[in-house]
Amino acid sequence: MRVHIATDHAGYELKKYLFGALIADGHDVVDHGALEYDAQDDYPDTCLPAAQAVAAEPGTLGIVIGGSGNGESIAANKVPGIRCILAWNIAIAELGREHNDANVISIGARQHEPDFALAMVRAFLATPFSGDERHQRRIDKLTAYEAAR
């Protein structure tokens, strides 16, 4: 699976860890930065392009990382067609895919140990959308609202 990944300085080390682990898992990982540590960088500069890439390439998924994951999730959700969840445990990562057909996961690097963050990402990537009518109906309402703006 192709996975788009992005971070700011706060998630730089976690991004490097996840990138290597996902490559080892056999994923095609596209790194949207940060490509080096810069304490003054801004998450929109990397997270927006990653989310845009996911939106432009159906069937791909994305990961955005920051200190808390909040700003990164907000940035990703500004991109039409993106449904980004802020995950804090494995069940939330799975439910985001299963019920919301989320296509981007946001992780707070300062909130989770790297191995646990990887477990959440793996759960997110492995969980399919349920396709249940009630969930699709809700997603369709969000898509219609987005299209009307």
Protein backbone atom coordinates (compact mmCIF):
# COMPACT_ATOMS: atom_id res chain seq x y z
CA MET A 1 0.00 0.00 0.00
CA ARG A 2 1.16 3.53 -0.70
CA VAL A 3 1.33 5.62 2.48
CA HIS A 4 2.00 9.36 2.57
CA ILE A 5 3.74 10.56 5.75
CA ALA A 6 4.54 14.03 7.09
CA THR A 7 5.61 15.74 10.27
CA ASP A 8 7.03 18.87 11.79
CA HIS A 9 10.01 19.02 14.14
CA ALA A 10 8.07 17.57 17.08
CA GLY A 11 7.44 14.31 15.27
CA TYR A 12 10.64 14.14 13.24
CA GLU A 13 12.20 11.20 15.12
CA LEU A 14 8.91 9.26 15.20
CA LYS A 15 8.45 9.82 11.47
CA LYS A 16 11.90 8.36 10.77
CA TYR A 17 11.05 5.34 12.95
CA LEU A 18 7.64 4.78 11.33
CA PHE A 19 9.06 5.29 7.83
CA GLY A 20 11.63 2.54 8.32
CA ALA A 21 9.17 0.14 9.94
CA LEU A 22 6.56 0.64 7.21
CA ILE A 23 9.14 0.14 4.45
CA ALA A 24 10.17 -3.09 6.21
CA ASP A 25 6.48 -4.08 6.29
CA GLY A 26 6.43 -3.75 2.49
CA HIS A 27 4.59 -0.45 2.15
CA ASP A 28 5.45 2.18 -0.46
CA VAL A 29 6.02 5.17 1.82
CA VAL A 30 6.20 8.70 0.41
CA ASP A 31 7.95 11.15 2.74
CA HIS A 32 6.57 14.69 2.54
CA GLY A 33 8.95 15.96 5.22
CA ALA A 34 10.26 17.33 7.35
CA LEU A 35 13.41 16.02 5.75
CA GLU A 36 15.64 17.38 8.50
CA TYR A 37 15.11 18.59 12.04
CA ASP A 38 14.25 22.29 12.23
CA ALA A 39 12.78 23.50 15.52
CA GLN A 40 11.16 26.44 13.71
CA ASP A 41 9.34 24.56 10.95
CA ASP A 42 5.53 24.66 10.57
CA TYR A 43 3.33 21.57 10.29
CA PRO A 44 1.07 22.98 7.53
CA ASP A 45 4.08 23.04 5.18
CA THR A 46 4.35 19.24 5.29
CA CYS A 47 0.95 17.98 6.40
CA LEU A 48 -1.05 19.80 3.74
CA PRO A 49 0.98 18.30 0.84
CA ALA A 50 0.71 14.83 2.38
CA ALA A 51 -3.07 15.17 2.70
CA GLN A 52 -3.31 16.56 -0.82
CA ALA A 53 -1.41 13.53 -2.10
CA VAL A 54 -3.83 11.17 -0.33
CA ALA A 55 -6.81 13.05 -1.78
CA ALA A 56 -5.29 12.96 -5.26
CA GLU A 57 -4.56 9.24 -5.14
CA PRO A 58 -7.59 7.21 -4.00
CA GLY A 59 -6.67 4.01 -2.23
CA THR A 60 -3.68 5.55 -0.48
CA LEU A 61 -3.56 6.43 3.20
CA GLY A 62 -1.70 9.07 5.16
CA ILE A 63 0.03 9.65 8.47
CA VAL A 64 0.63 13.10 9.94
CA ILE A 65 2.67 13.53 13.10
CA GLY A 66 3.27 16.38 15.51
CA GLY A 67 3.73 16.96 19.21
CA SER A 68 0.07 16.45 20.06
CA GLY A 69 -1.25 15.58 16.60
CA ASN A 70 -3.99 18.19 16.94
CA GLY A 71 -2.71 20.85 14.55
CA GLU A 72 -1.67 18.21 12.04
CA SER A 73 -5.16 16.70 12.10
CA ILE A 74 -6.72 20.13 11.64
CA ALA A 75 -4.41 20.86 8.70
CA ALA A 76 -5.12 17.53 6.99
CA ASN A 77 -8.87 17.98 7.41
CA LYS A 78 -8.72 21.28 5.52
CA VAL A 79 -8.00 19.32 2.33
CA PRO A 80 -11.18 18.33 0.45
CA GLY A 81 -11.70 14.58 0.53
CA ILE A 82 -9.66 14.00 3.66
CA ARG A 83 -11.06 12.41 6.78
CA CYS A 84 -8.27 12.56 9.35
CA ILE A 85 -8.58 11.09 12.83
CA LEU A 86 -6.46 11.85 15.88
CA ALA A 87 -5.64 8.43 17.30
CA TRP A 88 -4.70 7.82 20.90
CA ASN A 89 -5.24 4.06 21.09
CA ILE A 90 -5.56 1.08 18.79
CA ALA A 91 -9.36 0.89 19.03
CA ILE A 92 -9.67 4.51 17.85
CA ALA A 93 -7.30 3.81 14.94
CA GLU A 94 -9.39 0.81 13.89
CA LEU A 95 -12.74 2.55 14.36
CA GLY A 96 -11.58 5.53 12.33
CA ARG A 97 -11.10 3.24 9.35
CA GLU A 98 -14.00 0.88 10.03
CA HIS A 99 -16.72 3.46 10.72
CA ASN A 100 -15.45 6.71 9.19
CA ASP A 101 -13.40 5.45 6.25
CA ALA A 102 -10.65 7.76 7.53
CA ASN A 103 -7.81 8.10 5.06
CA VAL A 104 -5.32 9.91 7.31
CA ILE A 105 -4.26 9.19 10.88
CA SER A 106 -2.73 11.84 13.10
CA ILE A 107 -0.36 10.85 15.90
CA GLY A 108 0.99 12.91 18.79
CA ALA A 109 4.67 12.00 19.02
CA ARG A 110 4.97 13.46 22.51
CA GLN A 111 2.02 11.38 23.66
CA HIS A 112 3.11 7.87 22.63
CA GLU A 113 6.13 5.62 22.69
CA PRO A 114 7.33 4.74 19.18
CA ASP A 115 6.32 1.07 19.37
CA PHE A 116 2.79 1.97 20.44
CA ALA A 117 2.52 4.60 17.70
CA LEU A 118 3.59 1.94 15.20
CA ALA A 119 0.95 -0.44 16.55
CA MET A 120 -1.73 2.23 16.03
CA VAL A 121 -0.50 2.91 12.50
CA ARG A 122 -0.40 -0.78 11.63
CA ALA A 123 -3.95 -1.22 12.96
CA PHE A 124 -5.11 1.80 10.93
CA LEU A 125 -3.50 0.52 7.73
CA ALA A 126 -4.81 -3.02 8.19
CA THR A 127 -8.42 -2.15 9.01
CA PRO A 128 -10.83 -1.83 6.09
CA PHE A 129 -13.90 0.40 5.95
CA SER A 130 -16.91 -1.69 6.95
CA GLY A 131 -19.07 -0.38 4.11
CA ASP A 132 -22.05 -0.51 6.45
CA GLU A 133 -24.93 1.56 5.08
CA ARG A 134 -25.26 3.78 8.15
CA HIS A 135 -21.57 4.66 8.06
CA GLN A 136 -21.60 5.32 4.33
CA ARG A 137 -24.70 7.50 4.69
CA ARG A 138 -22.89 9.66 7.23
CA ILE A 139 -19.78 9.96 5.10
CA ASP A 140 -21.95 10.89 2.12
CA LYS A 141 -23.49 13.72 4.16
CA LEU A 142 -20.04 15.06 5.01
CA THR A 143 -18.95 14.79 1.39
CA ALA A 144 -22.07 16.65 0.23
CA TYR A 145 -21.47 19.41 2.77
CA GLU A 146 -17.85 19.72 1.65
CA ALA A 147 -18.87 19.87 -2.01
CA ALA A 148 -21.44 22.62 -1.34
CA ARG A 149 -18.86 24.96 0.17
